[in-house]
N, C-alpha and C. Protein backbone atom coordinates (compact mmCIF):
# COMPACT_ATOMS: atom_id res chain seq x y z
N UNK A 1 -11.12 -4.98 5.30
CA UNK A 1 -12.04 -6.08 5.20
C UNK A 1 -13.42 -5.55 4.84
N UNK A 2 -14.16 -6.33 4.14
CA UNK A 2 -15.48 -5.90 3.72
C UNK A 2 -16.58 -6.43 4.64
N UNK A 3 -16.20 -7.07 5.74
CA UNK A 3 -17.21 -7.57 6.67
C UNK A 3 -17.91 -6.41 7.36
N UNK A 4 -19.13 -6.65 7.67
CA UNK A 4 -19.87 -5.63 8.39
C UNK A 4 -19.54 -5.73 9.89
N UNK A 5 -19.53 -4.62 10.60
CA UNK A 5 -19.19 -4.65 12.03
C UNK A 5 -20.16 -5.50 12.84
N UNK A 6 -21.37 -5.63 12.38
CA UNK A 6 -22.36 -6.40 13.14
C UNK A 6 -22.01 -7.89 13.17
N UNK A 7 -21.25 -8.37 12.18
CA UNK A 7 -20.88 -9.79 12.14
C UNK A 7 -20.01 -10.15 13.34
N UNK A 8 -19.06 -9.30 13.68
CA UNK A 8 -18.23 -9.56 14.86
C UNK A 8 -19.03 -9.56 16.14
N UNK A 9 -19.96 -8.63 16.24
CA UNK A 9 -20.80 -8.55 17.43
C UNK A 9 -21.66 -9.80 17.57
N UNK A 10 -22.24 -10.26 16.49
CA UNK A 10 -23.07 -11.47 16.54
C UNK A 10 -22.23 -12.71 16.85
N UNK A 11 -20.99 -12.73 16.37
CA UNK A 11 -20.11 -13.84 16.70
C UNK A 11 -19.81 -13.87 18.19
N UNK A 12 -19.56 -12.71 18.76
CA UNK A 12 -19.31 -12.63 20.20
C UNK A 12 -20.53 -13.11 20.97
N UNK A 13 -21.71 -12.74 20.53
CA UNK A 13 -22.92 -13.18 21.21
C UNK A 13 -23.10 -14.69 21.15
N UNK A 14 -22.62 -15.31 20.10
CA UNK A 14 -22.76 -16.76 19.97
C UNK A 14 -21.65 -17.51 20.71
N UNK A 15 -20.44 -16.96 20.73
CA UNK A 15 -19.29 -17.67 21.28
C UNK A 15 -19.13 -17.45 22.78
N UNK A 16 -19.48 -16.28 23.28
CA UNK A 16 -19.27 -15.96 24.70
C UNK A 16 -19.97 -16.95 25.64
N UNK A 17 -21.22 -17.34 25.40
CA UNK A 17 -21.82 -18.33 26.30
C UNK A 17 -21.10 -19.68 26.28
N UNK A 18 -20.57 -20.08 25.14
CA UNK A 18 -19.83 -21.33 25.08
C UNK A 18 -18.54 -21.25 25.91
N UNK A 19 -17.87 -20.11 25.84
CA UNK A 19 -16.66 -19.92 26.65
C UNK A 19 -16.98 -19.94 28.14
N UNK A 20 -18.08 -19.33 28.51
CA UNK A 20 -18.47 -19.33 29.92
C UNK A 20 -18.79 -20.73 30.41
N UNK A 21 -19.44 -21.52 29.59
CA UNK A 21 -19.76 -22.90 29.99
C UNK A 21 -18.47 -23.69 30.18
N UNK A 22 -17.52 -23.52 29.28
CA UNK A 22 -16.26 -24.26 29.38
C UNK A 22 -15.45 -23.80 30.60
N UNK A 23 -15.47 -22.52 30.89
CA UNK A 23 -14.66 -21.99 31.99
C UNK A 23 -15.33 -22.20 33.34
N UNK A 24 -16.62 -21.98 33.41
CA UNK A 24 -17.31 -22.03 34.70
C UNK A 24 -17.99 -23.36 34.98
N UNK A 25 -18.08 -24.21 33.98
CA UNK A 25 -18.73 -25.52 34.18
C UNK A 25 -18.05 -26.36 35.25
N UNK A 26 -16.72 -26.57 35.15
CA UNK A 26 -16.05 -27.35 36.20
C UNK A 26 -16.15 -26.70 37.57
N UNK A 27 -16.07 -25.38 37.62
CA UNK A 27 -16.17 -24.70 38.92
C UNK A 27 -17.56 -24.89 39.52
N UNK A 28 -18.59 -24.82 38.70
CA UNK A 28 -19.94 -25.03 39.20
C UNK A 28 -20.13 -26.47 39.66
N UNK A 29 -19.54 -27.42 38.94
CA UNK A 29 -19.64 -28.83 39.33
C UNK A 29 -18.97 -29.07 40.67
N UNK A 30 -17.77 -28.52 40.85
CA UNK A 30 -17.05 -28.69 42.11
C UNK A 30 -17.79 -28.01 43.26
N UNK A 31 -18.34 -26.84 43.00
CA UNK A 31 -19.09 -26.14 44.04
C UNK A 31 -20.33 -26.93 44.43
N UNK A 32 -21.02 -27.48 43.45
CA UNK A 32 -22.20 -28.30 43.74
C UNK A 32 -21.85 -29.55 44.50
N UNK A 33 -20.77 -30.21 44.08
CA UNK A 33 -20.34 -31.43 44.79
C UNK A 33 -19.90 -31.11 46.20
N UNK A 34 -19.20 -30.00 46.38
CA UNK A 34 -18.78 -29.61 47.72
C UNK A 34 -19.96 -29.27 48.62
N UNK A 35 -20.93 -28.58 48.06
CA UNK A 35 -22.13 -28.27 48.84
C UNK A 35 -22.90 -29.52 49.23
N UNK A 36 -22.99 -30.46 48.30
CA UNK A 36 -23.68 -31.72 48.60
C UNK A 36 -22.94 -32.49 49.69
N UNK A 37 -21.61 -32.56 49.59
CA UNK A 37 -20.84 -33.27 50.61
C UNK A 37 -20.95 -32.58 51.97
N UNK A 38 -20.97 -31.27 51.96
CA UNK A 38 -21.12 -30.54 53.23
C UNK A 38 -22.48 -30.82 53.85
N UNK A 39 -23.50 -30.85 53.02
CA UNK A 39 -24.85 -31.14 53.52
C UNK A 39 -24.95 -32.57 54.01
N UNK A 40 -24.37 -33.50 53.25
CA UNK A 40 -24.45 -34.92 53.57
C UNK A 40 -23.68 -35.25 54.84
N UNK A 41 -22.50 -34.69 54.99
CA UNK A 41 -21.67 -35.02 56.13
C UNK A 41 -21.85 -34.10 57.32
N UNK A 42 -22.58 -33.02 57.13
CA UNK A 42 -22.75 -32.08 58.23
C UNK A 42 -21.51 -31.24 58.48
N UNK A 43 -20.59 -31.19 57.50
CA UNK A 43 -19.37 -30.42 57.67
C UNK A 43 -19.63 -28.97 57.32
N UNK A 44 -18.72 -28.13 57.76
CA UNK A 44 -18.84 -26.72 57.42
C UNK A 44 -18.28 -26.49 56.03
N UNK A 45 -18.75 -25.44 55.40
CA UNK A 45 -18.31 -25.10 54.05
C UNK A 45 -16.81 -24.81 54.00
N UNK A 46 -16.22 -24.10 54.97
CA UNK A 46 -14.76 -23.88 54.90
C UNK A 46 -13.95 -25.17 54.94
N UNK A 47 -14.43 -26.16 55.68
CA UNK A 47 -13.71 -27.43 55.73
C UNK A 47 -13.73 -28.11 54.37
N UNK A 48 -14.88 -28.15 53.74
CA UNK A 48 -14.98 -28.74 52.41
C UNK A 48 -14.16 -27.94 51.40
N UNK A 49 -14.20 -26.61 51.48
CA UNK A 49 -13.42 -25.77 50.56
C UNK A 49 -11.93 -26.04 50.73
N UNK A 50 -11.48 -26.20 51.97
CA UNK A 50 -10.07 -26.48 52.21
C UNK A 50 -9.69 -27.85 51.63
N UNK A 51 -10.55 -28.83 51.80
CA UNK A 51 -10.27 -30.17 51.27
C UNK A 51 -10.21 -30.14 49.74
N UNK A 52 -11.15 -29.44 49.11
CA UNK A 52 -11.16 -29.33 47.65
C UNK A 52 -9.92 -28.58 47.17
N UNK A 53 -9.52 -27.54 47.88
CA UNK A 53 -8.33 -26.78 47.50
C UNK A 53 -7.08 -27.64 47.60
N UNK A 54 -6.98 -28.45 48.62
CA UNK A 54 -5.81 -29.32 48.79
C UNK A 54 -5.77 -30.37 47.69
N UNK A 55 -6.91 -30.99 47.40
CA UNK A 55 -6.96 -31.99 46.34
C UNK A 55 -6.63 -31.36 44.99
N UNK A 56 -7.13 -30.17 44.74
CA UNK A 56 -6.81 -29.47 43.50
C UNK A 56 -5.34 -29.14 43.39
N UNK A 57 -4.74 -28.71 44.49
CA UNK A 57 -3.32 -28.39 44.48
C UNK A 57 -2.48 -29.63 44.21
N UNK A 58 -2.84 -30.76 44.84
CA UNK A 58 -2.11 -32.00 44.62
C UNK A 58 -2.24 -32.44 43.16
N UNK A 59 -3.44 -32.36 42.60
CA UNK A 59 -3.63 -32.74 41.19
C UNK A 59 -2.81 -31.83 40.29
N UNK A 60 -2.78 -30.55 40.57
CA UNK A 60 -1.99 -29.61 39.76
C UNK A 60 -0.50 -29.96 39.82
N UNK A 61 -0.01 -30.30 41.02
CA UNK A 61 1.40 -30.66 41.16
C UNK A 61 1.73 -31.94 40.39
N UNK A 62 0.81 -32.90 40.40
CA UNK A 62 1.05 -34.14 39.66
C UNK A 62 1.15 -33.85 38.17
N UNK A 63 0.24 -33.05 37.64
CA UNK A 63 0.28 -32.72 36.22
C UNK A 63 1.51 -31.90 35.87
N UNK A 64 1.90 -30.99 36.74
CA UNK A 64 3.10 -30.19 36.50
C UNK A 64 4.34 -31.08 36.50
N UNK A 65 4.39 -32.01 37.42
CA UNK A 65 5.55 -32.91 37.50
C UNK A 65 5.68 -33.73 36.23
N UNK A 66 4.54 -34.22 35.73
CA UNK A 66 4.58 -34.98 34.48
C UNK A 66 5.09 -34.11 33.33
N UNK A 67 4.62 -32.86 33.28
CA UNK A 67 5.05 -31.96 32.22
C UNK A 67 6.54 -31.67 32.34
N UNK A 68 7.03 -31.43 33.56
CA UNK A 68 8.45 -31.15 33.76
C UNK A 68 9.30 -32.35 33.37
N UNK A 69 8.82 -33.55 33.73
CA UNK A 69 9.57 -34.75 33.41
C UNK A 69 9.64 -34.93 31.89
N UNK A 70 8.54 -34.68 31.19
CA UNK A 70 8.52 -34.80 29.74
C UNK A 70 9.49 -33.81 29.10
N UNK A 71 9.49 -32.58 29.59
CA UNK A 71 10.41 -31.58 29.05
C UNK A 71 11.86 -31.94 29.35
N UNK A 72 12.11 -32.46 30.54
CA UNK A 72 13.48 -32.83 30.90
C UNK A 72 13.97 -33.98 30.03
N UNK A 73 13.10 -34.95 29.77
CA UNK A 73 13.50 -36.08 28.91
C UNK A 73 13.75 -35.60 27.48
N UNK A 74 12.96 -34.68 27.00
CA UNK A 74 13.17 -34.14 25.65
C UNK A 74 14.48 -33.37 25.60
N UNK A 75 14.79 -32.63 26.64
CA UNK A 75 16.04 -31.87 26.68
C UNK A 75 17.24 -32.83 26.71
N UNK A 76 17.13 -33.91 27.47
CA UNK A 76 18.21 -34.90 27.52
C UNK A 76 18.42 -35.54 26.16
N UNK A 77 17.33 -35.84 25.48
CA UNK A 77 17.44 -36.44 24.14
C UNK A 77 18.10 -35.47 23.16
N UNK A 78 17.84 -34.19 23.31
CA UNK A 78 18.48 -33.21 22.42
C UNK A 78 19.97 -33.09 22.68
N UNK A 79 20.40 -33.36 23.91
CA UNK A 79 21.80 -33.24 24.25
C UNK A 79 22.64 -34.40 23.72
N UNK A 80 22.00 -35.50 23.37
CA UNK A 80 22.75 -36.68 22.89
C UNK A 80 23.22 -36.50 21.49
């Protein structure tokens, strides 16, 4: 390739912050919301963290179940 090595480096400098925002944005939002709820309700941080972890696990299971059901239905259709 005739590209200069500096082009890749500059691309990384431009794209890396966008990736961090996408990856850490939801985590920062949940942490902020959890801190606010802990302050508002007078609860301890571990209690809020446990509640958020449970809600996250339940949401993950719901999405996984939908994905499994979709795959199972597609597999059944292929068998016909």
